[in-house]
Amino acid sequence: MNHYYLCIRVNREYMLLPTDLIVYFESHNHAMYIFVNENGTLTKYVTRMTFDEIGDFENEMMCRTHRTYMVNLDYVDSIRRYNLELRNGFGILPIGQGRYMEVKKIFHSYKK
């Protein structure tokens, strides 16, 4: 199994986050919140990145669900109209109305 990492800067220090542990990204007020599964607990890291800067990171396991969210499909339990539910009780995230059909298609293709 290949392991990939995302290098982020947090409080003047650089960290490597294993991509398979990243549950989702949330962009808000020029900050990127990265939520990581650390032993069953959702941990939040804050950095100054944009989705454009992590655009190459969006691949077959990551899906942009909203203008402010990108989610790791491995952590998606189900999709309901304009929302997706994360596994392990990690929460419910919105799906943009314009992205709903595409996200639903990507999710169902990914889970096959």
PDB file of N, CA and C in Angstrom:
ATOM      1  N   MET A   1       0.849  -1.185   0.000  1.00  0.00           N
ATOM      2  CA  MET A   1       0.000   0.000   0.000  1.00  0.00           C
ATOM      3  C   MET A   1       0.893   1.245   0.000  1.00  0.00           C
ATOM      4  N   ASN A   2       0.588   2.163  -0.893  1.00  0.00           N
ATOM      5  CA  ASN A   2       1.340   3.416  -0.955  1.00  0.00           C
ATOM      6  C   ASN A   2       0.795   4.398   0.069  1.00  0.00           C
ATOM      7  N   HIS A   3       1.686   5.109   0.711  1.00  0.00           N
ATOM      8  CA  HIS A   3       1.277   6.128   1.659  1.00  0.00           C
ATOM      9  C   HIS A   3       1.630   7.493   1.098  1.00  0.00           C
ATOM     10  N   TYR A   4       0.671   8.394   1.127  1.00  0.00           N
ATOM     11  CA  TYR A   4       0.872   9.746   0.648  1.00  0.00           C
ATOM     12  C   TYR A   4       0.670  10.696   1.809  1.00  0.00           C
ATOM     13  N   TYR A   5       1.336  11.826   1.731  1.00  0.00           N
ATOM     14  CA  TYR A   5       1.280  12.803   2.810  1.00  0.00           C
ATOM     15  C   TYR A   5       1.019  14.184   2.244  1.00  0.00           C
ATOM     16  N   LEU A   6       0.366  15.000   3.039  1.00  0.00           N
ATOM     17  CA  LEU A   6       0.161  16.404   2.727  1.00  0.00           C
ATOM     18  C   LEU A   6       1.002  17.204   3.708  1.00  0.00           C
ATOM     19  N   CYS A   7       1.851  18.056   3.186  1.00  0.00           N
ATOM     20  CA  CYS A   7       2.692  18.901   4.034  1.00  0.00           C
ATOM     21  C   CYS A   7       1.958  20.205   4.301  1.00  0.00           C
ATOM     22  N   ILE A   8       1.752  20.522   5.574  1.00  0.00           N
ATOM     23  CA  ILE A   8       1.074  21.761   5.942  1.00  0.00           C
ATOM     24  C   ILE A   8       1.916  22.523   6.954  1.00  0.00           C
ATOM     25  N   ARG A   9       1.661  23.805   7.034  1.00  0.00           N
ATOM     26  CA  ARG A   9       2.337  24.644   8.020  1.00  0.00           C
ATOM     27  C   ARG A   9       1.320  25.040   9.079  1.00  0.00           C
ATOM     28  N   VAL A  10       1.633  24.722  10.319  1.00  0.00           N
ATOM     29  CA  VAL A  10       0.770  25.044  11.452  1.00  0.00           C
ATOM     30  C   VAL A  10       1.636  25.704  12.516  1.00  0.00           C
ATOM     31  N   ASN A  11       1.283  26.926  12.887  1.00  0.00           N
ATOM     32  CA  ASN A  11       2.025  27.652  13.926  1.00  0.00           C
ATOM     33  C   ASN A  11       3.534  27.658  13.679  1.00  0.00           C
ATOM     34  N   ARG A  12       3.927  28.013  12.490  1.00  0.00           N
ATOM     35  CA  ARG A  12       5.342  28.139  12.090  1.00  0.00           C
ATOM     36  C   ARG A  12       6.106  26.819  12.049  1.00  0.00           C
ATOM     37  N   GLU A  13       5.403  25.724  12.128  1.00  0.00           N
ATOM     38  CA  GLU A  13       6.034  24.415  12.021  1.00  0.00           C
ATOM     39  C   GLU A  13       5.384  23.662  10.870  1.00  0.00           C
ATOM     40  N   TYR A  14       6.164  22.821  10.219  1.00  0.00           N
ATOM     41  CA  TYR A  14       5.641  21.994   9.136  1.00  0.00           C
ATOM     42  C   TYR A  14       5.304  20.612   9.654  1.00  0.00           C
ATOM     43  N   MET A  15       4.199  20.081   9.142  1.00  0.00           N
ATOM     44  CA  MET A  15       3.732  18.753   9.535  1.00  0.00           C
ATOM     45  C   MET A  15       3.417  17.955   8.279  1.00  0.00           C
ATOM     46  N   LEU A  16       3.574  16.654   8.363  1.00  0.00           N
ATOM     47  CA  LEU A  16       3.148  15.755   7.305  1.00  0.00           C
ATOM     48  C   LEU A  16       1.922  14.989   7.795  1.00  0.00           C
ATOM     49  N   LEU A  17       0.822  15.160   7.081  1.00  0.00           N
ATOM     50  CA  LEU A  17      -0.412  14.452   7.437  1.00  0.00           C
ATOM     51  C   LEU A  17      -0.628  13.309   6.460  1.00  0.00           C
ATOM     52  N   PRO A  18      -0.793  12.082   6.946  1.00  0.00           N
ATOM     53  CA  PRO A  18      -1.113  10.967   6.038  1.00  0.00           C
ATOM     54  C   PRO A  18      -2.477  11.221   5.385  1.00  0.00           C
ATOM     55  N   THR A  19      -2.514  11.183   4.074  1.00  0.00           N
ATOM     56  CA  THR A  19      -3.748  11.538   3.372  1.00  0.00           C
ATOM     57  C   THR A  19      -4.905  10.597   3.683  1.00  0.00           C
ATOM     58  N   ASP A  20      -4.615   9.348   4.002  1.00  0.00           N
ATOM     59  CA  ASP A  20      -5.706   8.419   4.298  1.00  0.00           C
ATOM     60  C   ASP A  20      -6.360   8.694   5.652  1.00  0.00           C
ATOM     61  N   LEU A  21      -5.741   9.537   6.481  1.00  0.00           N
ATOM     62  CA  LEU A  21      -6.335   9.908   7.770  1.00  0.00           C
ATOM     63  C   LEU A  21      -7.074  11.243   7.710  1.00  0.00           C
ATOM     64  N   ILE A  22      -6.945  11.952   6.588  1.00  0.00           N
ATOM     65  CA  ILE A  22      -7.675  13.217   6.431  1.00  0.00           C
ATOM     66  C   ILE A  22      -9.129  12.883   6.148  1.00  0.00           C
ATOM     67  N   VAL A  23     -10.029  13.361   7.006  1.00  0.00           N
ATOM     68  CA  VAL A  23     -11.455  13.099   6.852  1.00  0.00           C
ATOM     69  C   VAL A  23     -12.060  14.131   5.905  1.00  0.00           C
ATOM     70  N   TYR A  24     -11.784  15.421   6.163  1.00  0.00           N
ATOM     71  CA  TYR A  24     -12.269  16.456   5.248  1.00  0.00           C
ATOM     72  C   TYR A  24     -11.528  17.763   5.465  1.00  0.00           C
ATOM     73  N   PHE A  25     -11.684  18.638   4.463  1.00  0.00           N
ATOM     74  CA  PHE A  25     -11.153  19.993   4.496  1.00  0.00           C
ATOM     75  C   PHE A  25     -12.332  20.956   4.532  1.00  0.00           C
ATOM     76  N   GLU A  26     -12.154  22.053   5.256  1.00  0.00           N
ATOM     77  CA  GLU A  26     -13.151  23.128   5.258  1.00  0.00           C
ATOM     78  C   GLU A  26     -12.417  24.455   5.115  1.00  0.00           C
ATOM     79  N   SER A  27     -12.837  25.243   4.149  1.00  0.00           N
ATOM     80  CA  SER A  27     -12.246  26.557   3.926  1.00  0.00           C
ATOM     81  C   SER A  27     -13.182  27.610   4.516  1.00  0.00           C
ATOM     82  N   HIS A  28     -12.587  28.522   5.308  1.00  0.00           N
ATOM     83  CA  HIS A  28     -13.413  29.546   5.958  1.00  0.00           C
ATOM     84  C   HIS A  28     -12.542  30.754   6.293  1.00  0.00           C
ATOM     85  N   ASN A  29     -12.952  31.933   5.842  1.00  0.00           N
ATOM     86  CA  ASN A  29     -12.244  33.184   6.148  1.00  0.00           C
ATOM     87  C   ASN A  29     -10.737  33.095   5.903  1.00  0.00           C
ATOM     88  N   HIS A  30     -10.351  32.670   4.722  1.00  0.00           N
ATOM     89  CA  HIS A  30      -8.944  32.604   4.307  1.00  0.00           C
ATOM     90  C   HIS A  30      -8.117  31.596   5.107  1.00  0.00           C
ATOM     91  N   ALA A  31      -8.774  30.681   5.783  1.00  0.00           N
ATOM     92  CA  ALA A  31      -8.069  29.622   6.507  1.00  0.00           C
ATOM     93  C   ALA A  31      -8.585  28.273   6.019  1.00  0.00           C
ATOM     94  N   MET A  32      -7.722  27.267   6.069  1.00  0.00           N
ATOM     95  CA  MET A  32      -8.123  25.910   5.721  1.00  0.00           C
ATOM     96  C   MET A  32      -8.093  25.082   6.999  1.00  0.00           C
ATOM     97  N   TYR A  33      -9.233  24.522   7.327  1.00  0.00           N
ATOM     98  CA  TYR A  33      -9.344  23.628   8.477  1.00  0.00           C
ATOM     99  C   TYR A  33      -9.249  22.204   7.934  1.00  0.00           C
ATOM    100  N   ILE A  34      -8.321  21.454   8.470  1.00  0.00           N
ATOM    101  CA  ILE A  34      -8.121  20.080   8.028  1.00  0.00           C
ATOM    102  C   ILE A  34      -8.473  19.170   9.196  1.00  0.00           C
ATOM    103  N   PHE A  35      -9.478  18.337   8.996  1.00  0.00           N
ATOM    104  CA  PHE A  35      -9.960  17.446  10.053  1.00  0.00           C
ATOM    105  C   PHE A  35      -9.394  16.051   9.806  1.00  0.00           C
ATOM    106  N   VAL A  36      -8.686  15.535  10.809  1.00  0.00           N
ATOM    107  CA  VAL A  36      -7.927  14.294  10.685  1.00  0.00           C
ATOM    108  C   VAL A  36      -8.416  13.283  11.720  1.00  0.00           C
ATOM    109  N   ASN A  37      -8.517  12.035  11.303  1.00  0.00           N
ATOM    110  CA  ASN A  37      -8.882  10.944  12.200  1.00  0.00           C
ATOM    111  C   ASN A  37      -7.629  10.500  12.944  1.00  0.00           C
ATOM    112  N   GLU A  38      -7.554  10.841  14.212  1.00  0.00           N
ATOM    113  CA  GLU A  38      -6.424  10.426  15.042  1.00  0.00           C
ATOM    114  C   GLU A  38      -6.941   9.471  16.110  1.00  0.00           C
ATOM    115  N   ASN A  39      -6.804   8.193  15.835  1.00  0.00           N
ATOM    116  CA  ASN A  39      -7.251   7.136  16.756  1.00  0.00           C
ATOM    117  C   ASN A  39      -8.724   7.262  17.127  1.00  0.00           C
ATOM    118  N   GLY A  40      -9.562   7.523  16.126  1.00  0.00           N
ATOM    119  CA  GLY A  40     -11.001   7.604  16.344  1.00  0.00           C
ATOM    120  C   GLY A  40     -11.498   8.948  16.818  1.00  0.00           C
ATOM    121  N   THR A  41     -10.606   9.903  16.979  1.00  0.00           N
ATOM    122  CA  THR A  41     -10.976  11.256  17.391  1.00  0.00           C
ATOM    123  C   THR A  41     -10.718  12.207  16.237  1.00  0.00           C
ATOM    124  N   LEU A  42     -11.649  13.115  16.000  1.00  0.00           N
ATOM    125  CA  LEU A  42     -11.501  14.094  14.929  1.00  0.00           C
ATOM    126  C   LEU A  42     -10.686  15.274  15.449  1.00  0.00           C
ATOM    127  N   THR A  43      -9.498  15.469  14.876  1.00  0.00           N
ATOM    128  CA  THR A  43      -8.589  16.537  15.279  1.00  0.00           C
ATOM    129  C   THR A  43      -8.554  17.586  14.181  1.00  0.00           C
ATOM    130  N   LYS A  44      -8.593  18.854  14.579  1.00  0.00           N
ATOM    131  CA  LYS A  44      -8.613  19.955  13.608  1.00  0.00           C
ATOM    132  C   LYS A  44      -7.268  20.666  13.583  1.00  0.00           C
ATOM    133  N   TYR A  45      -6.743  20.850  12.360  1.00  0.00           N
ATOM    134  CA  TYR A  45      -5.543  21.642  12.131  1.00  0.00           C
ATOM    135  C   TYR A  45      -5.932  22.848  11.288  1.00  0.00           C
ATOM    136  N   VAL A  46      -5.344  23.993  11.584  1.00  0.00           N
ATOM    137  CA  VAL A  46      -5.653  25.219  10.844  1.00  0.00           C
ATOM    138  C   VAL A  46      -4.390  25.681  10.133  1.00  0.00           C
ATOM    139  N   THR A  47      -4.527  25.971   8.858  1.00  0.00           N
ATOM    140  CA  THR A  47      -3.397  26.437   8.067  1.00  0.00           C
ATOM    141  C   THR A  47      -3.888  27.473   7.058  1.00  0.00           C
ATOM    142  N   ARG A  48      -2.964  28.149   6.436  1.00  0.00           N
ATOM    143  CA  ARG A  48      -3.285  29.151   5.410  1.00  0.00           C
ATOM    144  C   ARG A  48      -3.057  28.544   4.038  1.00  0.00           C
ATOM    145  N   MET A  49      -3.991  27.737   3.580  1.00  0.00           N
ATOM    146  CA  MET A  49      -3.941  27.145   2.254  1.00  0.00           C
ATOM    147  C   MET A  49      -5.271  27.416   1.577  1.00  0.00           C
ATOM    148  N   THR A  50      -5.286  27.253   0.286  1.00  0.00           N
ATOM    149  CA  THR A  50      -6.532  27.358  -0.465  1.00  0.00           C
ATOM    150  C   THR A  50      -6.777  26.031  -1.181  1.00  0.00           C
ATOM    151  N   PHE A  51      -7.992  25.856  -1.673  1.00  0.00           N
ATOM    152  CA  PHE A  51      -8.280  24.656  -2.451  1.00  0.00           C
ATOM    153  C   PHE A  51      -7.447  24.638  -3.730  1.00  0.00           C
ATOM    154  N   ASP A  52      -7.132  25.803  -4.277  1.00  0.00           N
ATOM    155  CA  ASP A  52      -6.269  25.846  -5.462  1.00  0.00           C
ATOM    156  C   ASP A  52      -4.899  25.260  -5.153  1.00  0.00           C
ATOM    157  N   GLU A  53      -4.382  25.534  -3.966  1.00  0.00           N
ATOM    158  CA  GLU A  53      -3.065  25.017  -3.586  1.00  0.00           C
ATOM    159  C   GLU A  53      -3.065  23.513  -3.336  1.00  0.00           C
ATOM    160  N   ILE A  54      -4.202  22.984  -2.948  1.00  0.00           N
ATOM    161  CA  ILE A  54      -4.276  21.532  -2.732  1.00  0.00           C
ATOM    162  C   ILE A  54      -5.053  20.849  -3.847  1.00  0.00           C
ATOM    163  N   GLY A  55      -5.248  21.552  -4.958  1.00  0.00           N
ATOM    164  CA  GLY A  55      -6.030  21.029  -6.077  1.00  0.00           C
ATOM    165  C   GLY A  55      -5.539  19.696  -6.596  1.00  0.00           C
ATOM    166  N   ASP A  56      -4.225  19.498  -6.631  1.00  0.00           N
ATOM    167  CA  ASP A  56      -3.682  18.221  -7.096  1.00  0.00           C
ATOM    168  C   ASP A  56      -4.025  17.095  -6.137  1.00  0.00           C
ATOM    169  N   PHE A  57      -4.374  17.462  -4.933  1.00  0.00           N
ATOM    170  CA  PHE A  57      -4.718  16.470  -3.917  1.00  0.00           C
ATOM    171  C   PHE A  57      -6.100  15.875  -4.165  1.00  0.00           C
ATOM    172  N   GLU A  58      -6.948  16.631  -4.867  1.00  0.00           N
ATOM    173  CA  GLU A  58      -8.286  16.127  -5.176  1.00  0.00           C
ATOM    174  C   GLU A  58      -8.136  15.019  -6.210  1.00  0.00           C
ATOM    175  N   ASN A  59      -8.413  13.819  -5.795  1.00  0.00           N
ATOM    176  CA  ASN A  59      -8.229  12.664  -6.676  1.00  0.00           C
ATOM    177  C   ASN A  59      -9.400  11.713  -6.507  1.00  0.00           C
ATOM    178  N   GLU A  60      -9.162  10.442  -6.789  1.00  0.00           N
ATOM    179  CA  GLU A  60     -10.272   9.495  -6.719  1.00  0.00           C
ATOM    180  C   GLU A  60     -10.782   9.253  -5.310  1.00  0.00           C
ATOM    181  N   MET A  61     -10.004   9.578  -4.264  1.00  0.00           N
ATOM    182  CA  MET A  61     -10.492   9.360  -2.902  1.00  0.00           C
ATOM    183  C   MET A  61     -11.041  10.639  -2.269  1.00  0.00           C
ATOM    184  N   MET A  62     -10.734  11.790  -2.851  1.00  0.00           N
ATOM    185  CA  MET A  62     -11.209  13.071  -2.336  1.00  0.00           C
ATOM    186  C   MET A  62     -12.200  13.686  -3.319  1.00  0.00           C
ATOM    187  N   CYS A  63     -13.229  14.289  -2.787  1.00  0.00           N
ATOM    188  CA  CYS A  63     -14.270  14.865  -3.633  1.00  0.00           C
ATOM    189  C   CYS A  63     -14.673  16.229  -3.097  1.00  0.00           C
ATOM    190  N   ARG A  64     -14.718  17.206  -3.969  1.00  0.00           N
ATOM    191  CA  ARG A  64     -15.180  18.541  -3.605  1.00  0.00           C
ATOM    192  C   ARG A  64     -16.701  18.508  -3.576  1.00  0.00           C
ATOM    193  N   THR A  65     -17.287  18.708  -2.410  1.00  0.00           N
ATOM    194  CA  THR A  65     -18.739  18.575  -2.242  1.00  0.00           C
ATOM    195  C   THR A  65     -19.456  19.911  -2.166  1.00  0.00           C
ATOM    196  N   HIS A  66     -18.690  20.959  -1.963  1.00  0.00           N
ATOM    197  CA  HIS A  66     -19.254  22.291  -1.727  1.00  0.00           C
ATOM    198  C   HIS A  66     -18.130  23.269  -1.989  1.00  0.00           C
ATOM    199  N   ARG A  67     -18.436  24.526  -2.174  1.00  0.00           N
ATOM    200  CA  ARG A  67     -17.344  25.473  -2.425  1.00  0.00           C
ATOM    201  C   ARG A  67     -16.401  25.592  -1.233  1.00  0.00           C
ATOM    202  N   THR A  68     -16.842  25.183  -0.049  1.00  0.00           N
ATOM    203  CA  THR A  68     -15.995  25.272   1.145  1.00  0.00           C
ATOM    204  C   THR A  68     -15.591  23.915   1.727  1.00  0.00           C
ATOM    205  N   TYR A  69     -15.972  22.807   1.085  1.00  0.00           N
ATOM    206  CA  TYR A  69     -15.668  21.478   1.633  1.00  0.00           C
ATOM    207  C   TYR A  69     -15.088  20.537   0.576  1.00  0.00           C
ATOM    208  N   MET A  70     -14.127  19.721   1.008  1.00  0.00           N
ATOM    209  CA  MET A  70     -13.632  18.583   0.241  1.00  0.00           C
ATOM    210  C   MET A  70     -13.551  17.420   1.219  1.00  0.00           C
ATOM    211  N   VAL A  71     -14.060  16.266   0.831  1.00  0.00           N
ATOM    212  CA  VAL A  71     -14.171  15.140   1.760  1.00  0.00           C
ATOM    213  C   VAL A  71     -13.462  13.900   1.216  1.00  0.00           C
ATOM    214  N   ASN A  72     -12.925  13.110   2.132  1.00  0.00           N
ATOM    215  CA  ASN A  72     -12.331  11.822   1.811  1.00  0.00           C
ATOM    216  C   ASN A  72     -13.480  10.815   1.724  1.00  0.00           C
ATOM    217  N   LEU A  73     -13.693  10.232   0.552  1.00  0.00           N
ATOM    218  CA  LEU A  73     -14.826   9.338   0.337  1.00  0.00           C
ATOM    219  C   LEU A  73     -14.772   8.085   1.201  1.00  0.00           C
ATOM    220  N   ASP A  74     -13.596   7.729   1.694  1.00  0.00           N
ATOM    221  CA  ASP A  74     -13.496   6.576   2.600  1.00  0.00           C
ATOM    222  C   ASP A  74     -14.254   6.806   3.906  1.00  0.00           C
ATOM    223  N   TYR A  75     -14.486   8.054   4.254  1.00  0.00           N
ATOM    224  CA  TYR A  75     -15.165   8.377   5.514  1.00  0.00           C
ATOM    225  C   TYR A  75     -16.645   8.715   5.333  1.00  0.00           C
ATOM    226  N   VAL A  76     -17.153   8.620   4.108  1.00  0.00           N
ATOM    227  CA  VAL A  76     -18.568   8.916   3.860  1.00  0.00           C
ATOM    228  C   VAL A  76     -19.383   7.652   4.072  1.00  0.00           C
ATOM    229  N   ASP A  77     -20.389   7.767   4.929  1.00  0.00           N
ATOM    230  CA  ASP A  77     -21.269   6.639   5.219  1.00  0.00           C
ATOM    231  C   ASP A  77     -22.460   6.629   4.268  1.00  0.00           C
ATOM    232  N   SER A  78     -23.079   7.800   4.070  1.00  0.00           N
ATOM    233  CA  SER A  78     -24.255   7.874   3.197  1.00  0.00           C
ATOM    234  C   SER A  78     -24.440   9.293   2.680  1.00  0.00           C
ATOM    235  N   ILE A  79     -25.224   9.384   1.600  1.00  0.00           N
ATOM    236  CA  ILE A  79     -25.564  10.680   1.017  1.00  0.00           C
ATOM    237  C   ILE A  79     -27.073  10.807   1.007  1.00  0.00           C
ATOM    238  N   ARG A  80     -27.523  11.941   1.491  1.00  0.00           N
ATOM    239  CA  ARG A  80     -28.941  12.294   1.431  1.00  0.00           C
ATOM    240  C   ARG A  80     -29.033  13.633   0.727  1.00  0.00           C
ATOM    241  N   ARG A  81     -30.170  14.023   0.330  1.00  0.00           N
ATOM    242  CA  ARG A  81     -30.344  15.260  -0.438  1.00  0.00           C
ATOM    243  C   ARG A  81     -29.580  16.420   0.197  1.00  0.00           C
ATOM    244  N   TYR A  82     -28.540  16.866  -0.480  1.00  0.00           N
ATOM    245  CA  TYR A  82     -27.713  18.021  -0.130  1.00  0.00           C
ATOM    246  C   TYR A  82     -26.906  17.867   1.162  1.00  0.00           C
ATOM    247  N   ASN A  83     -26.768  16.645   1.669  1.00  0.00           N
ATOM    248  CA  ASN A  83     -25.933  16.380   2.844  1.00  0.00           C
ATOM    249  C   ASN A  83     -25.265  15.023   2.708  1.00  0.00           C
ATOM    250  N   LEU A  84     -24.114  14.888   3.357  1.00  0.00           N
ATOM    251  CA  LEU A  84     -23.508  13.572   3.461  1.00  0.00           C
ATOM    252  C   LEU A  84     -23.167  13.312   4.916  1.00  0.00           C
ATOM    253  N   GLU A  85     -23.327  12.067   5.304  1.00  0.00           N
ATOM    254  CA  GLU A  85     -23.057  11.675   6.690  1.00  0.00           C
ATOM    255  C   GLU A  85     -21.724  10.947   6.740  1.00  0.00           C
ATOM    256  N   LEU A  86     -20.887  11.372   7.666  1.00  0.00           N
ATOM    257  CA  LEU A  86     -19.570  10.773   7.815  1.00  0.00           C
ATOM    258  C   LEU A  86     -19.623   9.574   8.757  1.00  0.00           C
ATOM    259  N   ARG A  87     -18.727   8.642   8.554  1.00  0.00           N
ATOM    260  CA  ARG A  87     -18.609   7.466   9.424  1.00  0.00           C
ATOM    261  C   ARG A  87     -18.123   7.882  10.814  1.00  0.00           C
ATOM    262  N   ASN A  88     -18.242   6.998  11.744  1.00  0.00           N
ATOM    263  CA  ASN A  88     -17.722   7.160  13.111  1.00  0.00           C
ATOM    264  C   ASN A  88     -18.314   8.352  13.847  1.00  0.00           C
ATOM    265  N   GLY A  89     -19.472   8.820  13.410  1.00  0.00           N
ATOM    266  CA  GLY A  89     -20.102   9.960  14.078  1.00  0.00           C
ATOM    267  C   GLY A  89     -19.339  11.256  13.894  1.00  0.00           C
ATOM    268  N   PHE A  90     -18.541  11.351  12.817  1.00  0.00           N
ATOM    269  CA  PHE A  90     -17.739  12.546  12.579  1.00  0.00           C
ATOM    270  C   PHE A  90     -18.547  13.725  12.058  1.00  0.00           C
ATOM    271  N   GLY A  91     -19.835  13.552  11.821  1.00  0.00           N
ATOM    272  CA  GLY A  91     -20.680  14.686  11.479  1.00  0.00           C
ATOM    273  C   GLY A  91     -21.381  14.575  10.140  1.00  0.00           C
ATOM    274  N   ILE A  92     -22.082  15.654   9.809  1.00  0.00           N
ATOM    275  CA  ILE A  92     -22.818  15.780   8.557  1.00  0.00           C
ATOM    276  C   ILE A  92     -22.295  17.020   7.849  1.00  0.00           C
ATOM    277  N   LEU A  93     -21.974  16.883   6.569  1.00  0.00           N
ATOM    278  CA  LEU A  93     -21.450  17.994   5.779  1.00  0.00           C
ATOM    279  C   LEU A  93     -22.412  18.331   4.645  1.00  0.00           C
ATOM    280  N   PRO A  94     -22.445  19.596   4.240  1.00  0.00           N
ATOM    281  CA  PRO A  94     -23.337  19.985   3.148  1.00  0.00           C
ATOM    282  C   PRO A  94     -22.774  19.594   1.784  1.00  0.00           C
ATOM    283  N   ILE A  95     -23.698  19.383   0.858  1.00  0.00           N
ATOM    284  CA  ILE A  95     -23.346  19.213  -0.551  1.00  0.00           C
ATOM    285  C   ILE A  95     -24.004  20.375  -1.287  1.00  0.00           C
ATOM    286  N   GLY A  96     -23.226  21.106  -2.052  1.00  0.00           N
ATOM    287  CA  GLY A  96     -23.781  22.226  -2.819  1.00  0.00           C
ATOM    288  C   GLY A  96     -24.833  21.741  -3.799  1.00  0.00           C
ATOM    289  N   GLN A  97     -25.880  22.525  -3.976  1.00  0.00           N
ATOM    290  CA  GLN A  97     -26.964  22.121  -4.868  1.00  0.00           C
ATOM    291  C   GLN A  97     -26.468  21.831  -6.271  1.00  0.00           C
ATOM    292  N   GLY A  98     -25.533  22.632  -6.763  1.00  0.00           N
ATOM    293  CA  GLY A  98     -25.001  22.434  -8.104  1.00  0.00           C
ATOM    294  C   GLY A  98     -24.066  21.252  -8.215  1.00  0.00           C
ATOM    295  N   ARG A  99     -23.624  20.716  -7.105  1.00  0.00           N
ATOM    296  CA  ARG A  99     -22.691  19.584  -7.101  1.00  0.00           C
ATOM    297  C   ARG A  99     -23.352  18.269  -6.705  1.00  0.00           C
ATOM    298  N   TYR A 100     -24.597  18.310  -6.281  1.00  0.00           N
ATOM    299  CA  TYR A 100     -25.228  17.127  -5.702  1.00  0.00           C
ATOM    300  C   TYR A 100     -25.193  15.905  -6.617  1.00  0.00           C
ATOM    301  N   MET A 101     -25.647  16.044  -7.859  1.00  0.00           N
ATOM    302  CA  MET A 101     -25.717  14.892  -8.760  1.00  0.00           C
ATOM    303  C   MET A 101     -24.316  14.339  -9.057  1.00  0.00           C
ATOM    304  N   GLU A 102     -23.339  15.217  -9.235  1.00  0.00           N
ATOM    305  CA  GLU A 102     -21.975  14.777  -9.499  1.00  0.00           C
ATOM    306  C   GLU A 102     -21.387  14.053  -8.283  1.00  0.00           C
ATOM    307  N   VAL A 103     -21.589  14.610  -7.096  1.00  0.00           N
ATOM    308  CA  VAL A 103     -21.080  13.983  -5.868  1.00  0.00           C
ATOM    309  C   VAL A 103     -21.731  12.617  -5.664  1.00  0.00           C
ATOM    310  N   LYS A 104     -23.025  12.537  -5.882  1.00  0.00           N
ATOM    311  CA  LYS A 104     -23.747  11.266  -5.729  1.00  0.00           C
ATOM    312  C   LYS A 104     -23.187  10.218  -6.696  1.00  0.00           C
ATOM    313  N   LYS A 105     -22.948  10.609  -7.939  1.00  0.00           N
ATOM    314  CA  LYS A 105     -22.398   9.693  -8.943  1.00  0.00           C
ATOM    315  C   LYS A 105     -20.987   9.233  -8.559  1.00  0.00           C
ATOM    316  N   ILE A 106     -20.142  10.174  -8.142  1.00  0.00           N
ATOM    317  CA  ILE A 106     -18.771   9.845  -7.730  1.00  0.00           C
ATOM    318  C   ILE A 106     -18.792   8.905  -6.533  1.00  0.00           C
ATOM    319  N   PHE A 107     -19.644   9.189  -5.551  1.00  0.00           N
ATOM    320  CA  PHE A 107     -19.746   8.356  -4.346  1.00  0.00           C
ATOM    321  C   PHE A 107     -20.153   6.917  -4.697  1.00  0.00           C
ATOM    322  N   HIS A 108     -21.174   6.775  -5.519  1.00  0.00           N
ATOM    323  CA  HIS A 108     -21.650   5.429  -5.860  1.00  0.00           C
ATOM    324  C   HIS A 108     -20.620   4.672  -6.703  1.00  0.00           C
ATOM    325  N   SER A 109     -19.907   5.354  -7.569  1.00  0.00           N
ATOM    326  CA  SER A 109     -18.850   4.713  -8.355  1.00  0.00           C
ATOM    327  C   SER A 109     -17.693   4.301  -7.453  1.00  0.00           C
ATOM    328  N   TYR A 110     -17.375   5.142  -6.487  1.00  0.00           N
ATOM    329  CA  TYR A 110     -16.261   4.869  -5.577  1.00  0.00           C
ATOM    330  C   TYR A 110     -16.548   3.671  -4.678  1.00  0.00           C
ATOM    331  N   LYS A 111     -17.772   3.540  -4.218  1.00  0.00           N
ATOM    332  CA  LYS A 111     -18.131   2.483  -3.265  1.00  0.00           C
ATOM    333  C   LYS A 111     -18.331   1.119  -3.930  1.00  0.00           C
ATOM    334  N   LYS A 112     -18.301   1.049  -5.269  1.00  0.00           N
ATOM    335  CA  LYS A 112     -18.492  -0.241  -5.951  1.00  0.00           C
ATOM    336  C   LYS A 112     -17.279  -1.110  -5.800  1.00  0.00           C
TER     337      LYS A 112
END
